[in-house]
Amino acid sequence: MPADISDQTLDFLLARAGLDLTPAQKAELKSVYPGIAAMAERVRKPRGIMAEPAHAYGFNPVDLGEDL
């Protein structure tokens, strides 16, 4: 995902979502877009069982990345 968004792309996405923003709101949204893009990249990475340790019990050495 690019770290910047063009005005045309932002207008398209806002129209598709049915949102009508003021120029100030659009400018603010564009200013936070790089952080949102970085967060989306982190979320889309595959994660294993250790991503939710509160929901898993009985770890063995393989689960923890240790050799047997």
N, C-alpha and C. Protein backbone atom coordinates (compact mmCIF):
# COMPACT_ATOMS: atom_id res chain seq x y z
N MET A 1 0.85 -1.18 0.00
CA MET A 1 0.00 0.00 0.00
C MET A 1 0.90 1.24 0.00
N PRO A 2 0.64 2.18 -0.89
CA PRO A 2 1.49 3.37 -0.93
C PRO A 2 1.35 4.20 0.34
N ALA A 3 2.40 4.95 0.66
CA ALA A 3 2.39 5.77 1.87
C ALA A 3 1.67 7.10 1.67
N ASP A 4 1.19 7.36 0.46
CA ASP A 4 0.49 8.61 0.17
C ASP A 4 -0.73 8.27 -0.67
N ILE A 5 -1.73 9.12 -0.62
CA ILE A 5 -2.96 8.90 -1.39
C ILE A 5 -3.25 10.16 -2.19
N SER A 6 -3.59 9.99 -3.45
CA SER A 6 -3.87 11.15 -4.30
C SER A 6 -5.27 11.69 -3.99
N ASP A 7 -5.47 12.94 -4.37
CA ASP A 7 -6.78 13.57 -4.16
C ASP A 7 -7.87 12.81 -4.92
N GLN A 8 -7.55 12.37 -6.14
CA GLN A 8 -8.53 11.65 -6.94
C GLN A 8 -8.92 10.32 -6.28
N THR A 9 -7.92 9.61 -5.77
CA THR A 9 -8.20 8.33 -5.11
C THR A 9 -9.02 8.55 -3.85
N LEU A 10 -8.66 9.55 -3.06
CA LEU A 10 -9.41 9.85 -1.85
C LEU A 10 -10.85 10.21 -2.19
N ASP A 11 -11.05 11.05 -3.20
CA ASP A 11 -12.41 11.43 -3.60
C ASP A 11 -13.21 10.21 -4.05
N PHE A 12 -12.56 9.31 -4.80
CA PHE A 12 -13.24 8.09 -5.25
C PHE A 12 -13.67 7.24 -4.05
N LEU A 13 -12.75 7.02 -3.11
CA LEU A 13 -13.07 6.18 -1.96
C LEU A 13 -14.15 6.80 -1.08
N LEU A 14 -14.10 8.12 -0.91
CA LEU A 14 -15.13 8.79 -0.11
C LEU A 14 -16.49 8.71 -0.79
N ALA A 15 -16.53 8.89 -2.11
CA ALA A 15 -17.79 8.79 -2.84
C ALA A 15 -18.34 7.37 -2.76
N ARG A 16 -17.45 6.40 -2.90
CA ARG A 16 -17.87 4.99 -2.82
C ARG A 16 -18.45 4.66 -1.45
N ALA A 17 -17.89 5.29 -0.40
CA ALA A 17 -18.39 5.06 0.95
C ALA A 17 -19.61 5.93 1.26
N GLY A 18 -19.96 6.84 0.36
CA GLY A 18 -21.11 7.71 0.58
C GLY A 18 -20.84 8.83 1.56
N LEU A 19 -19.57 9.23 1.68
CA LEU A 19 -19.20 10.28 2.61
C LEU A 19 -18.97 11.59 1.88
N ASP A 20 -19.45 12.67 2.46
CA ASP A 20 -19.26 14.01 1.90
C ASP A 20 -18.51 14.82 2.95
N LEU A 21 -17.19 14.96 2.77
CA LEU A 21 -16.35 15.64 3.75
C LEU A 21 -16.01 17.05 3.30
N THR A 22 -15.75 17.90 4.27
CA THR A 22 -15.29 19.26 3.97
C THR A 22 -13.82 19.18 3.53
N PRO A 23 -13.34 20.23 2.89
CA PRO A 23 -11.91 20.23 2.53
C PRO A 23 -10.98 20.06 3.74
N ALA A 24 -11.36 20.63 4.88
CA ALA A 24 -10.53 20.48 6.09
C ALA A 24 -10.52 19.03 6.56
N GLN A 25 -11.66 18.36 6.49
CA GLN A 25 -11.72 16.95 6.89
C GLN A 25 -10.90 16.07 5.95
N LYS A 26 -10.97 16.37 4.66
CA LYS A 26 -10.18 15.62 3.68
C LYS A 26 -8.68 15.81 3.94
N ALA A 27 -8.27 17.04 4.24
CA ALA A 27 -6.86 17.31 4.52
C ALA A 27 -6.39 16.56 5.76
N GLU A 28 -7.23 16.52 6.77
CA GLU A 28 -6.87 15.79 7.99
C GLU A 28 -6.76 14.30 7.71
N LEU A 29 -7.70 13.77 6.94
CA LEU A 29 -7.67 12.35 6.59
C LEU A 29 -6.41 12.01 5.79
N LYS A 30 -6.04 12.89 4.86
CA LYS A 30 -4.81 12.67 4.08
C LYS A 30 -3.58 12.72 4.97
N SER A 31 -3.60 13.53 6.01
CA SER A 31 -2.43 13.65 6.89
C SER A 31 -2.21 12.40 7.73
N VAL A 32 -3.25 11.66 8.04
CA VAL A 32 -3.10 10.44 8.85
C VAL A 32 -3.01 9.18 7.99
N TYR A 33 -3.19 9.32 6.69
CA TYR A 33 -3.18 8.15 5.80
C TYR A 33 -1.90 7.32 5.88
N PRO A 34 -0.71 7.91 5.95
CA PRO A 34 0.50 7.07 6.03
C PRO A 34 0.47 6.12 7.24
N GLY A 35 0.00 6.59 8.36
CA GLY A 35 -0.10 5.74 9.55
C GLY A 35 -1.12 4.63 9.37
N ILE A 36 -2.23 4.95 8.72
CA ILE A 36 -3.27 3.95 8.47
C ILE A 36 -2.74 2.89 7.49
N ALA A 37 -2.01 3.33 6.46
CA ALA A 37 -1.44 2.39 5.49
C ALA A 37 -0.44 1.47 6.17
N ALA A 38 0.40 2.00 7.06
CA ALA A 38 1.38 1.18 7.78
C ALA A 38 0.67 0.17 8.68
N MET A 39 -0.38 0.59 9.35
CA MET A 39 -1.12 -0.31 10.22
C MET A 39 -1.78 -1.43 9.40
N ALA A 40 -2.32 -1.10 8.25
CA ALA A 40 -2.95 -2.12 7.40
C ALA A 40 -1.93 -3.15 6.94
N GLU A 41 -0.71 -2.73 6.65
CA GLU A 41 0.34 -3.67 6.25
C GLU A 41 0.68 -4.62 7.39
N ARG A 42 0.74 -4.09 8.61
CA ARG A 42 1.06 -4.96 9.77
C ARG A 42 -0.05 -5.96 10.02
N VAL A 43 -1.29 -5.55 9.87
CA VAL A 43 -2.42 -6.43 10.16
C VAL A 43 -2.52 -7.56 9.13
N ARG A 44 -2.12 -7.32 7.90
CA ARG A 44 -2.29 -8.30 6.84
C ARG A 44 -1.23 -9.41 6.85
N LYS A 45 -0.29 -9.37 7.77
CA LYS A 45 0.75 -10.40 7.81
C LYS A 45 0.20 -11.66 8.51
N PRO A 46 0.56 -12.86 7.99
CA PRO A 46 0.10 -14.08 8.64
C PRO A 46 0.68 -14.19 10.05
N ARG A 47 -0.14 -14.69 10.97
CA ARG A 47 0.30 -14.83 12.34
C ARG A 47 -0.05 -16.22 12.85
N GLY A 48 0.76 -16.73 13.72
CA GLY A 48 0.55 -18.06 14.27
C GLY A 48 -0.23 -18.05 15.56
N ILE A 49 -0.22 -19.18 16.21
CA ILE A 49 -0.98 -19.36 17.44
C ILE A 49 -0.52 -18.41 18.55
N MET A 50 0.75 -18.03 18.53
CA MET A 50 1.28 -17.16 19.58
C MET A 50 0.75 -15.73 19.49
N ALA A 51 0.04 -15.38 18.43
CA ALA A 51 -0.53 -14.04 18.30
C ALA A 51 -1.63 -13.82 19.33
N GLU A 52 -2.26 -14.88 19.79
CA GLU A 52 -3.33 -14.79 20.78
C GLU A 52 -3.04 -15.75 21.93
N PRO A 53 -2.00 -15.50 22.72
CA PRO A 53 -1.64 -16.45 23.76
C PRO A 53 -2.70 -16.63 24.84
N ALA A 54 -3.59 -15.68 25.02
CA ALA A 54 -4.61 -15.82 26.05
C ALA A 54 -5.64 -16.89 25.68
N HIS A 55 -5.69 -17.27 24.42
CA HIS A 55 -6.68 -18.24 23.97
C HIS A 55 -6.08 -19.62 23.72
N ALA A 56 -4.83 -19.82 24.08
CA ALA A 56 -4.17 -21.10 23.83
C ALA A 56 -3.40 -21.52 25.07
N TYR A 57 -3.46 -22.80 25.35
CA TYR A 57 -2.80 -23.33 26.53
C TYR A 57 -1.96 -24.53 26.14
N GLY A 58 -1.07 -24.96 27.03
CA GLY A 58 -0.29 -26.16 26.80
C GLY A 58 0.76 -26.00 25.72
N PHE A 59 1.50 -24.88 25.74
CA PHE A 59 2.53 -24.67 24.73
C PHE A 59 3.61 -25.73 24.86
N ASN A 60 4.12 -26.16 23.74
CA ASN A 60 5.27 -27.06 23.75
C ASN A 60 6.44 -26.30 23.11
N PRO A 61 7.65 -26.86 23.16
CA PRO A 61 8.81 -26.13 22.61
C PRO A 61 8.66 -25.70 21.16
N VAL A 62 7.97 -26.48 20.34
CA VAL A 62 7.79 -26.12 18.93
C VAL A 62 6.94 -24.85 18.83
N ASP A 63 5.89 -24.74 19.67
CA ASP A 63 5.05 -23.54 19.65
C ASP A 63 5.85 -22.29 19.99
N LEU A 64 6.84 -22.46 20.84
CA LEU A 64 7.64 -21.32 21.29
C LEU A 64 8.86 -21.07 20.41
N GLY A 65 9.01 -21.86 19.34
CA GLY A 65 10.11 -21.68 18.41
C GLY A 65 11.41 -22.30 18.88
N GLU A 66 11.32 -23.21 19.83
CA GLU A 66 12.53 -23.88 20.33
C GLU A 66 12.69 -25.23 19.64
N ASP A 67 13.92 -25.63 19.49
CA ASP A 67 14.20 -26.96 18.93
C ASP A 67 13.92 -28.03 19.98
N LEU A 68 13.47 -29.18 19.52
CA LEU A 68 13.19 -30.29 20.45
C LEU A 68 14.45 -30.94 20.93
